[in-house]
PDB file of N, CA and C in Angstrom:
ATOM      1  N   MET A   1      42.938  21.687-104.333  1.00  0.00           N
ATOM      2  CA  MET A   1      41.806  21.399-103.482  1.00  0.00           C
ATOM      3  C   MET A   1      40.546  22.118-103.967  1.00  0.00           C
ATOM      4  N   LYS A   2      40.725  23.357-104.477  1.00  0.00           N
ATOM      5  CA  LYS A   2      39.572  24.115-104.949  1.00  0.00           C
ATOM      6  C   LYS A   2      38.976  23.499-106.201  1.00  0.00           C
ATOM      7  N   LYS A   3      39.806  22.924-107.073  1.00  0.00           N
ATOM      8  CA  LYS A   3      39.308  22.283-108.283  1.00  0.00           C
ATOM      9  C   LYS A   3      38.444  21.075-107.940  1.00  0.00           C
ATOM     10  N   THR A   4      38.876  20.312-106.965  1.00  0.00           N
ATOM     11  CA  THR A   4      38.121  19.135-106.547  1.00  0.00           C
ATOM     12  C   THR A   4      36.768  19.543-105.982  1.00  0.00           C
ATOM     13  N   GLY A   5      36.729  20.620-105.215  1.00  0.00           N
ATOM     14  CA  GLY A   5      35.474  21.098-104.628  1.00  0.00           C
ATOM     15  C   GLY A   5      34.507  21.575-105.695  1.00  0.00           C
ATOM     16  N   LYS A   6      35.002  22.285-106.713  1.00  0.00           N
ATOM     17  CA  LYS A   6      34.141  22.758-107.795  1.00  0.00           C
ATOM     18  C   LYS A   6      33.625  21.597-108.632  1.00  0.00           C
ATOM     19  N   LYS A   7      34.497  20.617-108.855  1.00  0.00           N
ATOM     20  CA  LYS A   7      34.089  19.449-109.634  1.00  0.00           C
ATOM     21  C   LYS A   7      33.006  18.662-108.891  1.00  0.00           C
ATOM     22  N   THR A   8      33.185  18.500-107.598  1.00  0.00           N
ATOM     23  CA  THR A   8      32.191  17.799-106.776  1.00  0.00           C
ATOM     24  C   THR A   8      30.874  18.570-106.761  1.00  0.00           C
ATOM     25  N   GLU A   9      30.962  19.895-106.659  1.00  0.00           N
ATOM     26  CA  GLU A   9      29.748  20.723-106.661  1.00  0.00           C
ATOM     27  C   GLU A   9      29.025  20.602-107.997  1.00  0.00           C
ATOM     28  N   PHE A  10      29.756  20.594-109.104  1.00  0.00           N
ATOM     29  CA  PHE A  10      29.148  20.445-110.435  1.00  0.00           C
ATOM     30  C   PHE A  10      28.446  19.098-110.569  1.00  0.00           C
ATOM     31  N   ILE A  11      29.123  18.033-110.130  1.00  0.00           N
ATOM     32  CA  ILE A  11      28.530  16.690-110.206  1.00  0.00           C
ATOM     33  C   ILE A  11      27.279  16.614-109.340  1.00  0.00           C
ATOM     34  N   THR A  12      27.329  17.219-108.162  1.00  0.00           N
ATOM     35  CA  THR A  12      26.176  17.209-107.260  1.00  0.00           C
ATOM     36  C   THR A  12      24.995  17.944-107.884  1.00  0.00           C
ATOM     37  N   ARG A  13      25.259  19.111-108.444  1.00  0.00           N
ATOM     38  CA  ARG A  13      24.175  19.874-109.086  1.00  0.00           C
ATOM     39  C   ARG A  13      23.603  19.130-110.289  1.00  0.00           C
ATOM     40  N   ALA A  14      24.461  18.514-111.093  1.00  0.00           N
ATOM     41  CA  ALA A  14      23.993  17.759-112.259  1.00  0.00           C
ATOM     42  C   ALA A  14      23.139  16.567-111.812  1.00  0.00           C
ATOM     43  N   LEU A  15      23.576  15.884-110.784  1.00  0.00           N
ATOM     44  CA  LEU A  15      22.819  14.748-110.255  1.00  0.00           C
ATOM     45  C   LEU A  15      21.465  15.198-109.703  1.00  0.00           C
ATOM     46  N   MET A  16      21.458  16.319-109.007  1.00  0.00           N
ATOM     47  CA  MET A  16      20.196  16.858-108.474  1.00  0.00           C
ATOM     48  C   MET A  16      19.236  17.224-109.612  1.00  0.00           C
ATOM     49  N   THR A  17      19.771  17.783-110.682  1.00  0.00           N
ATOM     50  CA  THR A  17      18.935  18.143-111.833  1.00  0.00           C
ATOM     51  C   THR A  17      18.330  16.902-112.479  1.00  0.00           C
ATOM     52  N   VAL A  18      19.135  15.879-112.661  1.00  0.00           N
ATOM     53  CA  VAL A  18      18.640  14.628-113.262  1.00  0.00           C
ATOM     54  C   VAL A  18      17.583  13.988-112.365  1.00  0.00           C
ATOM     55  N   LEU A  19      17.850  13.934-111.067  1.00  0.00           N
ATOM     56  CA  LEU A  19      16.883  13.330-110.147  1.00  0.00           C
ATOM     57  C   LEU A  19      15.588  14.136-110.080  1.00  0.00           C
ATOM     58  N   THR A  20      15.681  15.452-110.159  1.00  0.00           N
ATOM     59  CA  THR A  20      14.481  16.288-110.172  1.00  0.00           C
ATOM     60  C   THR A  20      13.657  16.021-111.425  1.00  0.00           C
ATOM     61  N   ALA A  21      14.329  15.889-112.570  1.00  0.00           N
ATOM     62  CA  ALA A  21      13.624  15.588-113.819  1.00  0.00           C
ATOM     63  C   ALA A  21      12.930  14.223-113.734  1.00  0.00           C
ATOM     64  N   ILE A  22      13.604  13.245-113.156  1.00  0.00           N
ATOM     65  CA  ILE A  22      12.996  11.916-112.978  1.00  0.00           C
ATOM     66  C   ILE A  22      11.788  11.998-112.056  1.00  0.00           C
ATOM     67  N   LEU A  23      11.905  12.756-110.979  1.00  0.00           N
ATOM     68  CA  LEU A  23      10.788  12.919-110.041  1.00  0.00           C
ATOM     69  C   LEU A  23       9.584  13.551-110.716  1.00  0.00           C
ATOM     70  N   ILE A  24       9.808  14.574-111.531  1.00  0.00           N
ATOM     71  CA  ILE A  24       8.707  15.226-112.244  1.00  0.00           C
ATOM     72  C   ILE A  24       8.056  14.250-113.219  1.00  0.00           C
ATOM     73  N   ALA A  25       8.870  13.470-113.934  1.00  0.00           N
ATOM     74  CA  ALA A  25       8.326  12.487-114.876  1.00  0.00           C
ATOM     75  C   ALA A  25       7.489  11.437-114.151  1.00  0.00           C
ATOM     76  N   LEU A  26       7.966  10.953-113.019  1.00  0.00           N
ATOM     77  CA  LEU A  26       7.203   9.971-112.239  1.00  0.00           C
ATOM     78  C   LEU A  26       5.899  10.557-111.724  1.00  0.00           C
ATOM     79  N   PHE A  27       5.936  11.793-111.297  1.00  0.00           N
ATOM     80  CA  PHE A  27       4.724  12.456-110.810  1.00  0.00           C
ATOM     81  C   PHE A  27       3.674  12.534-111.922  1.00  0.00           C
ATOM     82  N   LEU A  28       4.098  12.941-113.113  1.00  0.00           N
ATOM     83  CA  LEU A  28       3.157  13.032-114.230  1.00  0.00           C
ATOM     84  C   LEU A  28       2.607  11.657-114.608  1.00  0.00           C
ATOM     85  N   TRP A  29       3.465  10.641-114.576  1.00  0.00           N
ATOM     86  CA  TRP A  29       3.020   9.275-114.883  1.00  0.00           C
ATOM     87  C   TRP A  29       1.990   8.799-113.864  1.00  0.00           C
ATOM     88  N   ILE A  30       2.221   9.092-112.596  1.00  0.00           N
ATOM     89  CA  ILE A  30       1.276   8.708-111.546  1.00  0.00           C
ATOM     90  C   ILE A  30      -0.061   9.422-111.738  1.00  0.00           C
ATOM     91  N   MET A  31      -0.018  10.683-112.148  1.00  0.00           N
ATOM     92  CA  MET A  31      -1.265  11.414-112.385  1.00  0.00           C
ATOM     93  C   MET A  31      -2.072  10.772-113.514  1.00  0.00           C
ATOM     94  N   VAL A  32      -1.397  10.304-114.549  1.00  0.00           N
ATOM     95  CA  VAL A  32      -2.085   9.612-115.643  1.00  0.00           C
ATOM     96  C   VAL A  32      -2.719   8.319-115.125  1.00  0.00           C
ATOM     97  N   LEU A  33      -1.977   7.568-114.333  1.00  0.00           N
ATOM     98  CA  LEU A  33      -2.512   6.319-113.778  1.00  0.00           C
ATOM     99  C   LEU A  33      -3.716   6.573-112.878  1.00  0.00           C
ATOM    100  N   VAL A  34      -3.664   7.616-112.076  1.00  0.00           N
ATOM    101  CA  VAL A  34      -4.788   7.953-111.195  1.00  0.00           C
ATOM    102  C   VAL A  34      -6.014   8.302-112.030  1.00  0.00           C
ATOM    103  N   GLY A  35      -5.813   9.008-113.127  1.00  0.00           N
ATOM    104  CA  GLY A  35      -6.939   9.323-114.018  1.00  0.00           C
ATOM    105  C   GLY A  35      -7.608   8.074-114.560  1.00  0.00           C
ATOM    106  N   LYS A  36      -6.809   7.080-114.927  1.00  0.00           N
ATOM    107  CA  LYS A  36      -7.369   5.824-115.427  1.00  0.00           C
ATOM    108  C   LYS A  36      -8.119   5.080-114.325  1.00  0.00           C
ATOM    109  N   ILE A  37      -7.562   5.084-113.132  1.00  0.00           N
ATOM    110  CA  ILE A  37      -8.203   4.397-112.006  1.00  0.00           C
ATOM    111  C   ILE A  37      -9.532   5.066-111.665  1.00  0.00           C
ATOM    112  N   GLN A  38      -9.579   6.384-111.734  1.00  0.00           N
ATOM    113  CA  GLN A  38     -10.821   7.095-111.419  1.00  0.00           C
ATOM    114  C   GLN A  38     -11.916   6.736-112.404  1.00  0.00           C
ATOM    115  N   GLY A  39     -11.565   6.545-113.678  1.00  0.00           N
ATOM    116  CA  GLY A  39     -12.558   6.130-114.663  1.00  0.00           C
ATOM    117  C   GLY A  39     -13.126   4.764-114.330  1.00  0.00           C
ATOM    118  N   THR A  40     -12.277   3.851-113.918  1.00  0.00           N
ATOM    119  CA  THR A  40     -12.716   2.518-113.523  1.00  0.00           C
ATOM    120  C   THR A  40     -13.570   2.589-112.263  1.00  0.00           C
ATOM    121  N   ALA A  41     -13.157   3.404-111.316  1.00  0.00           N
ATOM    122  CA  ALA A  41     -13.902   3.538-110.059  1.00  0.00           C
ATOM    123  C   ALA A  41     -15.293   4.110-110.316  1.00  0.00           C
ATOM    124  N   ARG A  42     -15.402   4.995-111.268  1.00  0.00           N
ATOM    125  CA  ARG A  42     -16.702   5.591-111.590  1.00  0.00           C
ATOM    126  C   ARG A  42     -17.659   4.520-112.108  1.00  0.00           C
ATOM    127  N   VAL A  43     -17.163   3.623-112.948  1.00  0.00           N
ATOM    128  CA  VAL A  43     -17.999   2.539-113.476  1.00  0.00           C
ATOM    129  C   VAL A  43     -18.442   1.619-112.345  1.00  0.00           C
ATOM    130  N   VAL A  44     -17.518   1.282-111.457  1.00  0.00           N
ATOM    131  CA  VAL A  44     -17.848   0.414-110.331  1.00  0.00           C
ATOM    132  C   VAL A  44     -18.875   1.095-109.432  1.00  0.00           C
ATOM    133  N   ASN A  45     -18.740   2.393-109.232  1.00  0.00           N
ATOM    134  CA  ASN A  45     -19.683   3.132-108.400  1.00  0.00           C
ATOM    135  C   ASN A  45     -21.081   3.104-109.017  1.00  0.00           C
ATOM    136  N   TYR A  46     -21.182   3.339-110.329  1.00  0.00           N
ATOM    137  CA  TYR A  46     -22.485   3.290-110.984  1.00  0.00           C
ATOM    138  C   TYR A  46     -23.105   1.898-110.879  1.00  0.00           C
ATOM    139  N   ALA A  47     -22.301   0.877-111.025  1.00  0.00           N
ATOM    140  CA  ALA A  47     -22.811  -0.493-110.911  1.00  0.00           C
ATOM    141  C   ALA A  47     -23.353  -0.740-109.505  1.00  0.00           C
ATOM    142  N   GLY A  48     -22.653  -0.218-108.501  1.00  0.00           N
ATOM    143  CA  GLY A  48     -23.118  -0.364-107.120  1.00  0.00           C
ATOM    144  C   GLY A  48     -24.415   0.380-106.878  1.00  0.00           C
ATOM    145  N   LEU A  49     -24.546   1.561-107.468  1.00  0.00           N
ATOM    146  CA  LEU A  49     -25.792   2.326-107.314  1.00  0.00           C
ATOM    147  C   LEU A  49     -26.972   1.596-107.948  1.00  0.00           C
ATOM    148  N   VAL A  50     -26.744   1.024-109.117  1.00  0.00           N
ATOM    149  CA  VAL A  50     -27.813   0.275-109.791  1.00  0.00           C
ATOM    150  C   VAL A  50     -28.185  -0.958-108.978  1.00  0.00           C
ATOM    151  N   ARG A  51     -27.185  -1.664-108.473  1.00  0.00           N
ATOM    152  CA  ARG A  51     -27.444  -2.868-107.676  1.00  0.00           C
ATOM    153  C   ARG A  51     -28.234  -2.525-106.412  1.00  0.00           C
ATOM    154  N   GLY A  52     -27.789  -1.496-105.703  1.00  0.00           N
ATOM    155  CA  GLY A  52     -28.483  -1.106-104.475  1.00  0.00           C
ATOM    156  C   GLY A  52     -29.894  -0.627-104.747  1.00  0.00           C
ATOM    157  N   GLY A  53     -30.058   0.155-105.814  1.00  0.00           N
ATOM    158  CA  GLY A  53     -31.401   0.637-106.166  1.00  0.00           C
ATOM    159  C   GLY A  53     -32.327  -0.503-106.548  1.00  0.00           C
ATOM    160  N   THR A  54     -31.788  -1.467-107.268  1.00  0.00           N
ATOM    161  CA  THR A  54     -32.589  -2.630-107.671  1.00  0.00           C
ATOM    162  C   THR A  54     -33.019  -3.441-106.452  1.00  0.00           C
ATOM    163  N   GLN A  55     -32.110  -3.642-105.523  1.00  0.00           N
ATOM    164  CA  GLN A  55     -32.466  -4.387-104.304  1.00  0.00           C
ATOM    165  C   GLN A  55     -33.549  -3.660-103.513  1.00  0.00           C
ATOM    166  N   ARG A  56     -33.408  -2.341-103.394  1.00  0.00           N
ATOM    167  CA  ARG A  56     -34.415  -1.558-102.658  1.00  0.00           C
ATOM    168  C   ARG A  56     -35.763  -1.607-103.375  1.00  0.00           C
ATOM    169  N   MET A  57     -35.741  -1.502-104.704  1.00  0.00           N
ATOM    170  CA  MET A  57     -36.980  -1.534-105.475  1.00  0.00           C
ATOM    171  C   MET A  57     -37.690  -2.875-105.291  1.00  0.00           C
ATOM    172  N   ILE A  58     -36.948  -3.973-105.362  1.00  0.00           N
ATOM    173  CA  ILE A  58     -37.555  -5.302-105.204  1.00  0.00           C
ATOM    174  C   ILE A  58     -38.135  -5.459-103.804  1.00  0.00           C
ATOM    175  N   LYS A  59     -37.414  -4.971-102.797  1.00  0.00           N
ATOM    176  CA  LYS A  59     -37.900  -5.066-101.417  1.00  0.00           C
ATOM    177  C   LYS A  59     -39.213  -4.299-101.249  1.00  0.00           C
ATOM    178  N   LEU A  60     -39.273  -3.082-101.808  1.00  0.00           N
ATOM    179  CA  LEU A  60     -40.503  -2.291-101.690  1.00  0.00           C
ATOM    180  C   LEU A  60     -41.635  -2.901-102.502  1.00  0.00           C
ATOM    181  N   GLU A  61     -41.318  -3.432-103.686  1.00  0.00           N
ATOM    182  CA  GLU A  61     -42.353  -4.084-104.508  1.00  0.00           C
ATOM    183  C   GLU A  61     -42.919  -5.299-103.778  1.00  0.00           C
ATOM    184  N   ASP A  62     -42.034  -6.093-103.143  1.00  0.00           N
ATOM    185  CA  ASP A  62     -42.500  -7.260-102.389  1.00  0.00           C
ATOM    186  C   ASP A  62     -43.364  -6.857-101.205  1.00  0.00           C
ATOM    187  N   ALA A  63     -43.118  -5.677-100.646  1.00  0.00           N
ATOM    188  CA  ALA A  63     -43.900  -5.192 -99.510  1.00  0.00           C
ATOM    189  C   ALA A  63     -45.235  -4.606 -99.958  1.00  0.00           C
ATOM    190  N   GLY A  64     -45.461  -4.515-101.277  1.00  0.00           N
ATOM    191  CA  GLY A  64     -46.741  -4.036-101.779  1.00  0.00           C
ATOM    192  C   GLY A  64     -46.754  -2.568-102.144  1.00  0.00           C
ATOM    193  N   TYR A  65     -45.604  -1.959-102.249  1.00  0.00           N
ATOM    194  CA  TYR A  65     -45.521  -0.553-102.633  1.00  0.00           C
ATOM    195  C   TYR A  65     -44.994  -0.454-104.065  1.00  0.00           C
ATOM    196  N   PRO A  66     -45.843  -0.071-105.023  1.00  0.00           N
ATOM    197  CA  PRO A  66     -45.386   0.015-106.415  1.00  0.00           C
ATOM    198  C   PRO A  66     -44.280   1.074-106.570  1.00  0.00           C
ATOM    199  N   GLN A  67     -43.307   0.760-107.371  1.00  0.00           N
ATOM    200  CA  GLN A  67     -42.144   1.636-107.523  1.00  0.00           C
ATOM    201  C   GLN A  67     -41.881   1.964-108.994  1.00  0.00           C
ATOM    202  N   ASP A  68     -42.913   2.424-109.704  1.00  0.00           N
ATOM    203  CA  ASP A  68     -42.754   2.727-111.124  1.00  0.00           C
ATOM    204  C   ASP A  68     -41.727   3.846-111.353  1.00  0.00           C
ATOM    205  N   LYS A  69     -41.738   4.858-110.499  1.00  0.00           N
ATOM    206  CA  LYS A  69     -40.799   5.974-110.652  1.00  0.00           C
ATOM    207  C   LYS A  69     -39.357   5.500-110.417  1.00  0.00           C
ATOM    208  N   MET A  70     -39.168   4.622-109.425  1.00  0.00           N
ATOM    209  CA  MET A  70     -37.832   4.110-109.132  1.00  0.00           C
ATOM    210  C   MET A  70     -37.333   3.238-110.282  1.00  0.00           C
ATOM    211  N   ILE A  71     -38.237   2.505-110.924  1.00  0.00           N
ATOM    212  CA  ILE A  71     -37.855   1.662-112.055  1.00  0.00           C
ATOM    213  C   ILE A  71     -37.299   2.545-113.175  1.00  0.00           C
ATOM    214  N   GLU A  72     -37.941   3.660-113.447  1.00  0.00           N
ATOM    215  CA  GLU A  72     -37.479   4.567-114.502  1.00  0.00           C
ATOM    216  C   GLU A  72     -36.129   5.203-114.123  1.00  0.00           C
ATOM    217  N   THR A  73     -35.964   5.515-112.855  1.00  0.00           N
ATOM    218  CA  THR A  73     -34.699   6.101-112.395  1.00  0.00           C
ATOM    219  C   THR A  73     -33.558   5.111-112.578  1.00  0.00           C
ATOM    220  N   ILE A  74     -33.785   3.857-112.228  1.00  0.00           N
ATOM    221  CA  ILE A  74     -32.737   2.837-112.345  1.00  0.00           C
ATOM    222  C   ILE A  74     -32.436   2.549-113.810  1.00  0.00           C
ATOM    223  N   ARG A  75     -33.457   2.537-114.650  1.00  0.00           N
ATOM    224  CA  ARG A  75     -33.227   2.303-116.072  1.00  0.00           C
ATOM    225  C   ARG A  75     -32.386   3.402-116.703  1.00  0.00           C
ATOM    226  N   SER A  76     -32.583   4.607-116.242  1.00  0.00           N
ATOM    227  CA  SER A  76     -31.813   5.727-116.842  1.00  0.00           C
ATOM    228  C   SER A  76     -30.377   5.672-116.375  1.00  0.00           C
TER     229      SER A  76
END
């Protein structure tokens, strides 16, 4: 009976070690994917800022307020 208990304990510990290693690998893989997504999100954010700034600039220009400084900001 004691041999069976030790064998079961060994198998359980080995399985826990393998599953822990898999969990760590998945965590690192997810971190890499999040890094890639953040790069894409940054580009989308900049595009949104340019779009919003352009709309505001056109609205102010149409209202008769020159926006030369805003034009330079959006171009940069």
